[in-house]
Amino acid sequence: MAQLTLIQAINDAMRIALERDPSVVILGEDVGKNGGVFRATEGLWKRFGDDRVIDTPLAEAGIVGTAIGMAVNGLRPIVEIQFLGFSYPGFEQIVSHAARLRTRTQGMFPATMVIRAPYGGGIRAPELHSDSTEALFVHTPGLKVVVPSTPYDAKGLLLASISDPDPVLFLEPMKLYRSVREEVPETAYEVPIGQARVVREGEDVTLLAWGAMVPVAIAAADEWAEKGVSCEVIDVRSLYPLDEETLVTSVKKTGRAVIVHEAPRTAGVGAELAAMLQEQAFLWLEAPIARVTGYDVPVPMFALEDAFRPDVKRVSEAVRQVIAF
């Protein structure tokens, strides 16, 4: 079994999809000969040709709009947006057309497509390159939103997204692209959309995180384990549809929850999770649900980036607060 990084696992998933289904095409800026800004499509243009791996102009609205037209005509496009912050010119195409096409056509023409986008901070990228605005898309009916945090999940979730009949926003945490390797099956497999992953079991506090915040939550759980506090860590990974059962079951067991995300706090996905948990597990809660998030400002430049993103110290302090309540 190969040891792959997260970006290599994504590349492998697209290779398999292109091999087994002639309707799959990839399009985006520099995805062809250059292999994409992070080399996610490296080698695919040479292997499958420029009819299947298509370089586009720097025009996100045009890329997404073209993909919608492809989907209506029976193709399964995989769009690469270079950074999530670059998706805003294509936002109108995503929310006004891709997300609504199934309903608008009474099920005749679902927009079967995947939009891949690197997101989040931690790599010292310039302004607008580190946004974590997943809430915009989770809030849009008709879209599915998934976020892998491991190479295994990246390959399986991407293949599941490509197979899905509805448009899927596939968010890739840049911080984790090359930070770890793990064994990834060489054959095709799918990680079902809509299922969270229990990373480690615990009894005292539930830590909910996704993307690049999962390793941070694990590190905080390690710190508290040395003090005799057992934290259950859950990788939410499917932001919509949400695996409510796994999350609620965990919080009913521990009685305490800390939600960690690097997006700004106000109206972030963490607020939705907190509301859902309060609705379904209120009588089991031993303390108010805590959130550890980015701040309500644009993601700052390099010098302040680490201060903006949640770290182990901030997560550990939140655990202390819910334990001490």
C-alpha atoms as a PDB file:
ATOM      1  CA  MET A   1       0.000   0.000   0.000  1.00  0.00           C
ATOM      2  CA  ALA A   2       1.429   3.369  -0.995  1.00  0.00           C
ATOM      3  CA  GLN A   3       2.400   6.046   1.525  1.00  0.00           C
ATOM      4  CA  LEU A   4       0.831   9.222   0.154  1.00  0.00           C
ATOM      5  CA  THR A   5       0.487  12.828   1.178  1.00  0.00           C
ATOM      6  CA  LEU A   6      -2.931  14.455   1.048  1.00  0.00           C
ATOM      7  CA  ILE A   7      -2.175  16.177  -2.277  1.00  0.00           C
ATOM      8  CA  GLN A   8      -0.896  12.920  -3.775  1.00  0.00           C
ATOM      9  CA  ALA A   9      -4.066  11.153  -2.641  1.00  0.00           C
ATOM     10  CA  ILE A  10      -6.168  13.802  -4.382  1.00  0.00           C
ATOM     11  CA  ASN A  11      -4.146  13.363  -7.553  1.00  0.00           C
ATOM     12  CA  ASP A  12      -4.611   9.586  -7.362  1.00  0.00           C
ATOM     13  CA  ALA A  13      -8.368   9.923  -6.938  1.00  0.00           C
ATOM     14  CA  MET A  14      -8.632  12.063 -10.064  1.00  0.00           C
ATOM     15  CA  ARG A  15      -6.422   9.642 -12.013  1.00  0.00           C
ATOM     16  CA  ILE A  16      -8.776   6.780 -11.130  1.00  0.00           C
ATOM     17  CA  ALA A  17     -11.848   8.838 -11.998  1.00  0.00           C
ATOM     18  CA  LEU A  18     -10.416   9.790 -15.392  1.00  0.00           C
ATOM     19  CA  GLU A  19      -9.456   6.176 -16.116  1.00  0.00           C
ATOM     20  CA  ARG A  20     -12.760   4.556 -15.258  1.00  0.00           C
ATOM     21  CA  ASP A  21     -15.231   7.137 -16.530  1.00  0.00           C
ATOM     22  CA  PRO A  22     -14.807   8.889 -19.902  1.00  0.00           C
ATOM     23  CA  SER A  23     -17.323  11.545 -18.859  1.00  0.00           C
ATOM     24  CA  VAL A  24     -14.970  12.914 -16.170  1.00  0.00           C
ATOM     25  CA  VAL A  25     -13.061  16.044 -17.168  1.00  0.00           C
ATOM     26  CA  ILE A  26     -10.893  18.459 -15.190  1.00  0.00           C
ATOM     27  CA  LEU A  27     -10.812  22.176 -15.833  1.00  0.00           C
ATOM     28  CA  GLY A  28      -9.185  25.132 -14.159  1.00  0.00           C
ATOM     29  CA  GLU A  29      -6.310  27.592 -14.234  1.00  0.00           C
ATOM     30  CA  ASP A  30      -2.954  25.912 -14.929  1.00  0.00           C
ATOM     31  CA  VAL A  31      -4.321  22.421 -14.304  1.00  0.00           C
ATOM     32  CA  GLY A  32      -2.846  21.142 -17.585  1.00  0.00           C
ATOM     33  CA  LYS A  33       0.856  21.182 -18.364  1.00  0.00           C
ATOM     34  CA  ASN A  34       1.734  22.958 -15.099  1.00  0.00           C
ATOM     35  CA  GLY A  35      -0.217  20.473 -12.959  1.00  0.00           C
ATOM     36  CA  GLY A  36      -2.085  23.073 -10.916  1.00  0.00           C
ATOM     37  CA  VAL A  37      -0.890  25.686  -8.450  1.00  0.00           C
ATOM     38  CA  PHE A  38      -0.261  22.973  -5.806  1.00  0.00           C
ATOM     39  CA  ARG A  39       0.466  20.215  -8.373  1.00  0.00           C
ATOM     40  CA  ALA A  40      -2.792  18.401  -7.600  1.00  0.00           C
ATOM     41  CA  THR A  41      -3.208  17.529 -11.292  1.00  0.00           C
ATOM     42  CA  GLU A  42       0.449  16.842 -12.010  1.00  0.00           C
ATOM     43  CA  GLY A  43       0.887  14.282 -14.777  1.00  0.00           C
ATOM     44  CA  LEU A  44      -2.809  14.041 -15.643  1.00  0.00           C
ATOM     45  CA  TRP A  45      -2.675  16.323 -18.723  1.00  0.00           C
ATOM     46  CA  LYS A  46       0.201  14.328 -20.182  1.00  0.00           C
ATOM     47  CA  ARG A  47      -1.612  11.044 -19.558  1.00  0.00           C
ATOM     48  CA  PHE A  48      -5.153  11.966 -20.560  1.00  0.00           C
ATOM     49  CA  GLY A  49      -4.673  14.848 -22.990  1.00  0.00           C
ATOM     50  CA  ASP A  50      -6.088  18.324 -23.286  1.00  0.00           C
ATOM     51  CA  ASP A  51      -9.606  17.117 -24.076  1.00  0.00           C
ATOM     52  CA  ARG A  52      -9.859  15.697 -20.516  1.00  0.00           C
ATOM     53  CA  VAL A  53      -7.592  18.070 -18.536  1.00  0.00           C
ATOM     54  CA  ILE A  54      -8.387  21.564 -19.706  1.00  0.00           C
ATOM     55  CA  ASP A  55      -6.552  24.808 -18.996  1.00  0.00           C
ATOM     56  CA  THR A  56      -8.874  27.784 -18.684  1.00  0.00           C
ATOM     57  CA  PRO A  57      -8.510  31.562 -18.636  1.00  0.00           C
ATOM     58  CA  LEU A  58      -8.281  33.360 -15.266  1.00  0.00           C
ATOM     59  CA  ALA A  59     -12.064  33.657 -15.011  1.00  0.00           C
ATOM     60  CA  GLU A  60     -13.706  31.720 -12.170  1.00  0.00           C
ATOM     61  CA  ALA A  61     -17.252  32.641 -13.213  1.00  0.00           C
ATOM     62  CA  GLY A  62     -16.506  31.294 -16.666  1.00  0.00           C
ATOM     63  CA  ILE A  63     -14.915  28.117 -15.288  1.00  0.00           C
ATOM     64  CA  VAL A  64     -17.891  27.270 -13.064  1.00  0.00           C
ATOM     65  CA  GLY A  65     -20.417  28.307 -15.715  1.00  0.00           C
ATOM     66  CA  THR A  66     -18.684  26.126 -18.287  1.00  0.00           C
ATOM     67  CA  ALA A  67     -18.713  23.200 -15.862  1.00  0.00           C
ATOM     68  CA  ILE A  68     -22.456  23.618 -15.315  1.00  0.00           C
ATOM     69  CA  GLY A  69     -22.985  23.454 -19.076  1.00  0.00           C
ATOM     70  CA  MET A  70     -20.810  20.346 -19.238  1.00  0.00           C
ATOM     71  CA  ALA A  71     -22.825  18.707 -16.454  1.00  0.00           C
ATOM     72  CA  VAL A  72     -26.127  19.439 -18.175  1.00  0.00           C
ATOM     73  CA  ASN A  73     -24.750  17.728 -21.265  1.00  0.00           C
ATOM     74  CA  GLY A  74     -23.750  14.570 -19.418  1.00  0.00           C
ATOM     75  CA  LEU A  75     -20.155  15.178 -18.382  1.00  0.00           C
ATOM     76  CA  ARG A  76     -18.808  15.005 -14.818  1.00  0.00           C
ATOM     77  CA  PRO A  77     -16.537  18.033 -14.509  1.00  0.00           C
ATOM     78  CA  ILE A  78     -14.031  18.528 -11.697  1.00  0.00           C
ATOM     79  CA  VAL A  79     -13.334  22.236 -11.312  1.00  0.00           C
ATOM     80  CA  GLU A  80     -10.183  23.481  -9.630  1.00  0.00           C
ATOM     81  CA  ILE A  81     -10.400  26.934  -8.080  1.00  0.00           C
ATOM     82  CA  GLN A  82      -6.844  27.899  -7.129  1.00  0.00           C
ATOM     83  CA  PHE A  83      -7.824  29.248  -3.687  1.00  0.00           C
ATOM     84  CA  LEU A  84     -11.216  29.392  -1.977  1.00  0.00           C
ATOM     85  CA  GLY A  85     -10.872  33.170  -1.839  1.00  0.00           C
ATOM     86  CA  PHE A  86     -10.802  33.170  -5.636  1.00  0.00           C
ATOM     87  CA  SER A  87     -14.222  31.493  -5.794  1.00  0.00           C
ATOM     88  CA  TYR A  88     -16.099  34.732  -5.190  1.00  0.00           C
ATOM     89  CA  PRO A  89     -16.220  35.760  -8.882  1.00  0.00           C
ATOM     90  CA  GLY A  90     -17.790  32.334  -9.496  1.00  0.00           C
ATOM     91  CA  PHE A  91     -20.049  32.508  -6.439  1.00  0.00           C
ATOM     92  CA  GLU A  92     -23.035  33.661  -8.466  1.00  0.00           C
ATOM     93  CA  GLN A  93     -22.697  30.671 -10.784  1.00  0.00           C
ATOM     94  CA  ILE A  94     -22.409  28.308  -7.814  1.00  0.00           C
ATOM     95  CA  VAL A  95     -25.345  29.562  -5.717  1.00  0.00           C
ATOM     96  CA  SER A  96     -27.666  30.817  -8.460  1.00  0.00           C
ATOM     97  CA  HIS A  97     -27.242  27.954 -10.903  1.00  0.00           C
ATOM     98  CA  ALA A  98     -25.204  24.911  -9.802  1.00  0.00           C
ATOM     99  CA  ALA A  99     -26.981  24.615  -6.446  1.00  0.00           C
ATOM    100  CA  ARG A 100     -30.453  25.187  -7.915  1.00  0.00           C
ATOM    101  CA  LEU A 101     -30.337  23.306 -11.194  1.00  0.00           C
ATOM    102  CA  ARG A 102     -31.887  20.084  -9.865  1.00  0.00           C
ATOM    103  CA  THR A 103     -34.834  21.957  -8.344  1.00  0.00           C
ATOM    104  CA  ARG A 104     -35.155  24.368 -11.271  1.00  0.00           C
ATOM    105  CA  THR A 105     -35.403  21.525 -13.801  1.00  0.00           C
ATOM    106  CA  GLN A 106     -37.543  19.274 -11.566  1.00  0.00           C
ATOM    107  CA  GLY A 107     -34.751  16.736 -11.335  1.00  0.00           C
ATOM    108  CA  MET A 108     -34.054  16.505 -15.068  1.00  0.00           C
ATOM    109  CA  PHE A 109     -30.624  18.166 -14.980  1.00  0.00           C
ATOM    110  CA  PRO A 110     -28.687  17.895 -11.729  1.00  0.00           C
ATOM    111  CA  ALA A 111     -25.403  19.778 -11.796  1.00  0.00           C
ATOM    112  CA  THR A 112     -23.212  16.732 -11.275  1.00  0.00           C
ATOM    113  CA  MET A 113     -19.869  18.360 -10.612  1.00  0.00           C
ATOM    114  CA  VAL A 114     -17.112  18.791  -8.044  1.00  0.00           C
ATOM    115  CA  ILE A 115     -15.537  22.118  -7.205  1.00  0.00           C
ATOM    116  CA  ARG A 116     -12.139  21.624  -5.555  1.00  0.00           C
ATOM    117  CA  ALA A 117     -10.640  24.537  -3.668  1.00  0.00           C
ATOM    118  CA  PRO A 118      -7.601  24.813  -1.380  1.00  0.00           C
ATOM    119  CA  TYR A 119      -8.632  26.744   1.730  1.00  0.00           C
ATOM    120  CA  GLY A 120      -7.483  27.958   5.124  1.00  0.00           C
ATOM    121  CA  GLY A 121      -4.241  29.414   6.355  1.00  0.00           C
ATOM    122  CA  GLY A 122      -0.971  28.269   7.753  1.00  0.00           C
ATOM    123  CA  ILE A 123       1.258  28.459   4.677  1.00  0.00           C
ATOM    124  CA  ARG A 124       2.106  32.166   4.741  1.00  0.00           C
ATOM    125  CA  ALA A 125       0.104  32.899   1.583  1.00  0.00           C
ATOM    126  CA  PRO A 126      -0.691  36.474   0.491  1.00  0.00           C
ATOM    127  CA  GLU A 127      -3.931  38.285   1.297  1.00  0.00           C
ATOM    128  CA  LEU A 128      -7.135  36.628  -0.021  1.00  0.00           C
ATOM    129  CA  HIS A 129      -5.334  33.254  -0.339  1.00  0.00           C
ATOM    130  CA  SER A 130      -6.148  31.908   3.161  1.00  0.00           C
ATOM    131  CA  ASP A 131      -9.898  32.396   3.489  1.00  0.00           C
ATOM    132  CA  SER A 132     -12.014  29.829   5.294  1.00  0.00           C
ATOM    133  CA  THR A 133     -15.505  30.774   4.174  1.00  0.00           C
ATOM    134  CA  GLU A 134     -17.080  27.325   4.135  1.00  0.00           C
ATOM    135  CA  ALA A 135     -20.163  28.729   5.896  1.00  0.00           C
ATOM    136  CA  LEU A 136     -21.152  30.577   2.703  1.00  0.00           C
ATOM    137  CA  PHE A 137     -21.561  27.282   0.910  1.00  0.00           C
ATOM    138  CA  VAL A 138     -22.930  25.209   3.807  1.00  0.00           C
ATOM    139  CA  HIS A 139     -25.704  27.816   3.992  1.00  0.00           C
ATOM    140  CA  THR A 140     -26.627  27.265   0.336  1.00  0.00           C
ATOM    141  CA  PRO A 141     -29.261  24.540  -0.194  1.00  0.00           C
ATOM    142  CA  GLY A 142     -28.365  22.240  -3.056  1.00  0.00           C
ATOM    143  CA  LEU A 143     -24.651  22.078  -2.298  1.00  0.00           C
ATOM    144  CA  LYS A 144     -22.735  19.429  -0.407  1.00  0.00           C
ATOM    145  CA  VAL A 145     -19.550  20.500   1.389  1.00  0.00           C
ATOM    146  CA  VAL A 146     -16.795  18.117   2.504  1.00  0.00           C
ATOM    147  CA  VAL A 147     -13.345  18.672   4.031  1.00  0.00           C
ATOM    148  CA  PRO A 148     -10.780  15.841   4.343  1.00  0.00           C
ATOM    149  CA  SER A 149      -8.014  16.010   6.920  1.00  0.00           C
ATOM    150  CA  THR A 150      -6.088  12.842   6.043  1.00  0.00           C
ATOM    151  CA  PRO A 151      -4.737  11.365   2.795  1.00  0.00           C
ATOM    152  CA  TYR A 152      -7.019   8.323   3.130  1.00  0.00           C
ATOM    153  CA  ASP A 153     -10.107  10.481   3.525  1.00  0.00           C
ATOM    154  CA  ALA A 154      -8.991  12.820   0.731  1.00  0.00           C
ATOM    155  CA  LYS A 155      -8.948  10.043  -1.845  1.00  0.00           C
ATOM    156  CA  GLY A 156     -12.121   8.353  -0.639  1.00  0.00           C
ATOM    157  CA  LEU A 157     -14.114  11.545  -0.190  1.00  0.00           C
ATOM    158  CA  LEU A 158     -13.077  12.886  -3.594  1.00  0.00           C
ATOM    159  CA  LEU A 159     -14.119   9.683  -5.355  1.00  0.00           C
ATOM    160  CA  ALA A 160     -17.426   9.795  -3.457  1.00  0.00           C
ATOM    161  CA  SER A 161     -17.853  13.440  -4.483  1.00  0.00           C
ATOM    162  CA  ILE A 162     -17.218  12.631  -8.145  1.00  0.00           C
ATOM    163  CA  SER A 163     -19.806   9.830  -7.981  1.00  0.00           C
ATOM    164  CA  ASP A 164     -22.376  12.032  -6.251  1.00  0.00           C
ATOM    165  CA  PRO A 165     -25.239  13.267  -8.463  1.00  0.00           C
ATOM    166  CA  ASP A 166     -25.247  16.732  -6.877  1.00  0.00           C
ATOM    167  CA  PRO A 167     -22.655  19.530  -6.850  1.00  0.00           C
ATOM    168  CA  VAL A 168     -20.031  19.016  -4.149  1.00  0.00           C
ATOM    169  CA  LEU A 169     -17.647  21.635  -2.824  1.00  0.00           C
ATOM    170  CA  PHE A 170     -14.452  19.762  -1.931  1.00  0.00           C
ATOM    171  CA  LEU A 171     -12.327  21.908   0.385  1.00  0.00           C
ATOM    172  CA  GLU A 172      -8.656  21.036   0.729  1.00  0.00           C
ATOM    173  CA  PRO A 173      -6.760  22.286   3.817  1.00  0.00           C
ATOM    174  CA  MET A 174      -3.541  23.693   2.349  1.00  0.00           C
ATOM    175  CA  LYS A 175      -1.722  23.346   5.667  1.00  0.00           C
ATOM    176  CA  LEU A 176      -2.120  19.567   5.446  1.00  0.00           C
ATOM    177  CA  TYR A 177      -1.238  19.084   1.772  1.00  0.00           C
ATOM    178  CA  ARG A 178       2.230  17.729   2.507  1.00  0.00           C
ATOM    179  CA  SER A 179       2.375  17.607   6.315  1.00  0.00           C
ATOM    180  CA  VAL A 180       1.735  13.880   6.770  1.00  0.00           C
ATOM    181  CA  ARG A 181       1.862  10.625   4.851  1.00  0.00           C
ATOM    182  CA  GLU A 182      -0.227   7.546   5.466  1.00  0.00           C
ATOM    183  CA  GLU A 183      -1.110   4.306   3.782  1.00  0.00           C
ATOM    184  CA  VAL A 184      -3.665   4.809   1.022  1.00  0.00           C
ATOM    185  CA  PRO A 185      -5.107   1.888  -0.987  1.00  0.00           C
ATOM    186  CA  GLU A 186      -4.066   1.925  -4.617  1.00  0.00           C
ATOM    187  CA  THR A 187      -7.513   0.795  -5.723  1.00  0.00           C
ATOM    188  CA  ALA A 188     -10.725   2.814  -5.809  1.00  0.00           C
ATOM    189  CA  TYR A 189     -12.783   3.231  -2.634  1.00  0.00           C
ATOM    190  CA  GLU A 190     -15.214   5.806  -1.323  1.00  0.00           C
ATOM    191  CA  VAL A 191     -15.594   7.508   2.050  1.00  0.00           C
ATOM    192  CA  PRO A 192     -19.342   8.194   2.303  1.00  0.00           C
ATOM    193  CA  ILE A 193     -20.440  11.820   2.320  1.00  0.00           C
ATOM    194  CA  GLY A 194     -22.423  12.612   5.465  1.00  0.00           C
ATOM    195  CA  GLN A 195     -20.369  10.572   7.928  1.00  0.00           C
ATOM    196  CA  ALA A 196     -18.114  12.062  10.596  1.00  0.00           C
ATOM    197  CA  ARG A 197     -14.982  10.217  11.785  1.00  0.00           C
ATOM    198  CA  VAL A 198     -14.300   9.489  15.441  1.00  0.00           C
ATOM    199  CA  VAL A 199     -10.550  10.094  15.560  1.00  0.00           C
ATOM    200  CA  ARG A 200     -10.165   9.011  19.181  1.00  0.00           C
ATOM    201  CA  GLU A 201     -12.648   8.041  21.827  1.00  0.00           C
ATOM    202  CA  GLY A 202     -12.968   9.867  25.140  1.00  0.00           C
ATOM    203  CA  GLU A 203     -15.264  10.296  28.106  1.00  0.00           C
ATOM    204  CA  ASP A 204     -14.989  13.877  29.411  1.00  0.00           C
ATOM    205  CA  VAL A 205     -15.056  16.392  26.522  1.00  0.00           C
ATOM    206  CA  THR A 206     -15.958  16.206  22.818  1.00  0.00           C
ATOM    207  CA  LEU A 207     -13.688  18.163  20.463  1.00  0.00           C
ATOM    208  CA  LEU A 208     -15.264  18.835  17.052  1.00  0.00           C
ATOM    209  CA  ALA A 209     -13.011  20.022  14.242  1.00  0.00           C
ATOM    210  CA  TRP A 210     -12.406  19.704  10.504  1.00  0.00           C
ATOM    211  CA  GLY A 211      -9.607  20.311   8.039  1.00  0.00           C
ATOM    212  CA  ALA A 212      -6.364  21.682   9.446  1.00  0.00           C
ATOM    213  CA  MET A 213      -7.914  22.050  12.898  1.00  0.00           C
ATOM    214  CA  VAL A 214      -8.140  18.282  13.415  1.00  0.00           C
ATOM    215  CA  PRO A 215      -4.405  17.899  14.254  1.00  0.00           C
ATOM    216  CA  VAL A 216      -4.730  20.885  16.592  1.00  0.00           C
ATOM    217  CA  ALA A 217      -7.635  19.215  18.408  1.00  0.00           C
ATOM    218  CA  ILE A 218      -5.677  15.967  18.653  1.00  0.00           C
ATOM    219  CA  ALA A 219      -2.669  17.780  20.138  1.00  0.00           C
ATOM    220  CA  ALA A 220      -4.912  19.478  22.712  1.00  0.00           C
ATOM    221  CA  ALA A 221      -6.441  16.103  23.582  1.00  0.00           C
ATOM    222  CA  ASP A 222      -2.925  14.710  24.074  1.00  0.00           C
ATOM    223  CA  GLU A 223      -2.121  17.525  26.512  1.00  0.00           C
ATOM    224  CA  TRP A 224      -5.236  16.902  28.573  1.00  0.00           C
ATOM    225  CA  ALA A 225      -4.733  13.144  28.551  1.00  0.00           C
ATOM    226  CA  GLU A 226      -1.548  13.710  30.554  1.00  0.00           C
ATOM    227  CA  LYS A 227      -3.718  15.492  33.152  1.00  0.00           C
ATOM    228  CA  GLY A 228      -6.243  12.670  33.340  1.00  0.00           C
ATOM    229  CA  VAL A 229      -8.928  14.295  31.164  1.00  0.00           C
ATOM    230  CA  SER A 230     -10.202  12.143  28.319  1.00  0.00           C
ATOM    231  CA  CYS A 231     -11.177  14.024  25.146  1.00  0.00           C
ATOM    232  CA  GLU A 232     -13.127  12.484  22.293  1.00  0.00           C
ATOM    233  CA  VAL A 233     -11.966  13.994  18.984  1.00  0.00           C
ATOM    234  CA  ILE A 234     -14.333  13.964  16.015  1.00  0.00           C
ATOM    235  CA  ASP A 235     -13.400  14.988  12.493  1.00  0.00           C
ATOM    236  CA  VAL A 236     -16.697  16.389  11.207  1.00  0.00           C
ATOM    237  CA  ARG A 237     -15.360  16.190   7.573  1.00  0.00           C
ATOM    238  CA  SER A 238     -18.842  16.391   5.992  1.00  0.00           C
ATOM    239  CA  LEU A 239     -20.133  19.878   6.790  1.00  0.00           C
ATOM    240  CA  TYR A 240     -23.238  19.304   4.704  1.00  0.00           C
ATOM    241  CA  PRO A 241     -24.898  16.878   4.980  1.00  0.00           C
ATOM    242  CA  LEU A 242     -23.971  16.745   8.646  1.00  0.00           C
ATOM    243  CA  ASP A 243     -23.601  13.525  10.630  1.00  0.00           C
ATOM    244  CA  GLU A 244     -25.759  14.746  13.494  1.00  0.00           C
ATOM    245  CA  GLU A 245     -26.101  11.291  15.064  1.00  0.00           C
ATOM    246  CA  THR A 246     -22.372  10.822  15.658  1.00  0.00           C
ATOM    247  CA  LEU A 247     -21.964  14.332  17.063  1.00  0.00           C
ATOM    248  CA  VAL A 248     -24.994  14.164  19.330  1.00  0.00           C
ATOM    249  CA  THR A 249     -24.145  10.690  20.597  1.00  0.00           C
ATOM    250  CA  SER A 250     -20.661  11.852  21.564  1.00  0.00           C
ATOM    251  CA  VAL A 251     -21.853  14.971  23.369  1.00  0.00           C
ATOM    252  CA  LYS A 252     -24.514  13.007  25.250  1.00  0.00           C
ATOM    253  CA  LYS A 253     -21.680  10.746  26.440  1.00  0.00           C
ATOM    254  CA  THR A 254     -19.196  13.452  27.480  1.00  0.00           C
ATOM    255  CA  GLY A 255     -21.585  16.273  28.429  1.00  0.00           C
ATOM    256  CA  ARG A 256     -19.170  18.892  27.121  1.00  0.00           C
ATOM    257  CA  ALA A 257     -18.275  20.153  23.654  1.00  0.00           C
ATOM    258  CA  VAL A 258     -15.581  22.399  22.186  1.00  0.00           C
ATOM    259  CA  ILE A 259     -15.929  23.313  18.502  1.00  0.00           C
ATOM    260  CA  VAL A 260     -12.779  24.357  16.660  1.00  0.00           C
ATOM    261  CA  HIS A 261     -12.603  26.051  13.237  1.00  0.00           C
ATOM    262  CA  GLU A 262     -10.318  28.601  11.651  1.00  0.00           C
ATOM    263  CA  ALA A 263     -13.099  30.576   9.980  1.00  0.00           C
ATOM    264  CA  PRO A 264     -14.269  33.800  11.652  1.00  0.00           C
ATOM    265  CA  ARG A 265     -16.527  33.242  14.652  1.00  0.00           C
ATOM    266  CA  THR A 266     -19.725  35.096  13.722  1.00  0.00           C
ATOM    267  CA  ALA A 267     -22.187  32.878  11.834  1.00  0.00           C
ATOM    268  CA  GLY A 268     -19.506  30.288  11.271  1.00  0.00           C
ATOM    269  CA  VAL A 269     -20.351  26.607  10.918  1.00  0.00           C
ATOM    270  CA  GLY A 270     -19.502  26.244  14.608  1.00  0.00           C
ATOM    271  CA  ALA A 271     -22.562  28.338  15.466  1.00  0.00           C
ATOM    272  CA  GLU A 272     -24.780  25.910  13.548  1.00  0.00           C
ATOM    273  CA  LEU A 273     -23.203  22.929  15.302  1.00  0.00           C
ATOM    274  CA  ALA A 274     -23.668  24.561  18.703  1.00  0.00           C
ATOM    275  CA  ALA A 275     -27.334  25.258  17.968  1.00  0.00           C
ATOM    276  CA  MET A 276     -27.929  21.712  16.753  1.00  0.00           C
ATOM    277  CA  LEU A 277     -26.261  20.226  19.838  1.00  0.00           C
ATOM    278  CA  GLN A 278     -28.212  22.500  22.128  1.00  0.00           C
ATOM    279  CA  GLU A 279     -31.456  21.389  20.458  1.00  0.00           C
ATOM    280  CA  GLN A 280     -30.718  17.664  20.660  1.00  0.00           C
ATOM    281  CA  ALA A 281     -28.461  17.223  23.713  1.00  0.00           C
ATOM    282  CA  PHE A 282     -29.392  20.083  26.042  1.00  0.00           C
ATOM    283  CA  LEU A 283     -30.327  17.891  28.995  1.00  0.00           C
ATOM    284  CA  TRP A 284     -26.983  16.059  28.812  1.00  0.00           C
ATOM    285  CA  LEU A 285     -24.800  19.207  28.815  1.00  0.00           C
ATOM    286  CA  GLU A 286     -22.628  19.840  31.872  1.00  0.00           C
ATOM    287  CA  ALA A 287     -21.293  23.171  30.547  1.00  0.00           C
ATOM    288  CA  PRO A 288     -22.036  25.714  27.804  1.00  0.00           C
ATOM    289  CA  ILE A 289     -20.695  24.676  24.399  1.00  0.00           C
ATOM    290  CA  ALA A 290     -17.416  26.481  23.643  1.00  0.00           C
ATOM    291  CA  ARG A 291     -16.092  27.680  20.295  1.00  0.00           C
ATOM    292  CA  VAL A 292     -12.463  28.298  19.377  1.00  0.00           C
ATOM    293  CA  THR A 293     -12.342  30.111  16.039  1.00  0.00           C
ATOM    294  CA  GLY A 294     -10.628  32.673  13.888  1.00  0.00           C
ATOM    295  CA  TYR A 295     -11.433  36.295  14.617  1.00  0.00           C
ATOM    296  CA  ASP A 296     -14.003  38.470  12.847  1.00  0.00           C
ATOM    297  CA  VAL A 297     -11.440  40.129  10.607  1.00  0.00           C
ATOM    298  CA  PRO A 298      -9.992  39.287   7.183  1.00  0.00           C
ATOM    299  CA  VAL A 299      -7.233  36.684   7.512  1.00  0.00           C
ATOM    300  CA  PRO A 300      -4.155  38.799   8.293  1.00  0.00           C
ATOM    301  CA  MET A 301      -0.791  38.765   6.580  1.00  0.00           C
ATOM    302  CA  PHE A 302       2.107  36.549   7.631  1.00  0.00           C
ATOM    303  CA  ALA A 303       3.192  38.281  10.849  1.00  0.00           C
ATOM    304  CA  LEU A 304      -0.219  37.878  12.487  1.00  0.00           C
ATOM    305  CA  GLU A 305      -1.395  34.675  10.846  1.00  0.00           C
ATOM    306  CA  ASP A 306      -0.478  32.451  13.790  1.00  0.00           C
ATOM    307  CA  ALA A 307      -2.303  34.774  16.173  1.00  0.00           C
ATOM    308  CA  PHE A 308      -5.430  34.540  14.010  1.00  0.00           C
ATOM    309  CA  ARG A 309      -5.638  30.765  13.701  1.00  0.00           C
ATOM    310  CA  PRO A 310      -6.704  28.624  16.655  1.00  0.00           C
ATOM    311  CA  ASP A 311      -3.762  26.810  18.239  1.00  0.00           C
ATOM    312  CA  VAL A 312      -3.307  24.130  20.880  1.00  0.00           C
ATOM    313  CA  LYS A 313      -3.072  26.711  23.662  1.00  0.00           C
ATOM    314  CA  ARG A 314      -6.453  28.272  22.811  1.00  0.00           C
ATOM    315  CA  VAL A 315      -8.151  24.883  22.427  1.00  0.00           C
ATOM    316  CA  SER A 316      -6.687  23.654  25.721  1.00  0.00           C
ATOM    317  CA  GLU A 317      -7.950  26.759  27.480  1.00  0.00           C
ATOM    318  CA  ALA A 318     -11.457  26.091  26.126  1.00  0.00           C
ATOM    319  CA  VAL A 319     -11.253  22.522  27.433  1.00  0.00           C
ATOM    320  CA  ARG A 320     -10.240  23.874  30.819  1.00  0.00           C
ATOM    321  CA  GLN A 321     -13.233  26.206  30.856  1.00  0.00           C
ATOM    322  CA  VAL A 322     -15.805  23.528  30.040  1.00  0.00           C
ATOM    323  CA  ILE A 323     -14.242  21.154  32.570  1.00  0.00           C
ATOM    324  CA  ALA A 324     -14.181  23.814  35.299  1.00  0.00           C
ATOM    325  CA  PHE A 325     -17.714  25.122  34.688  1.00  0.00           C
END
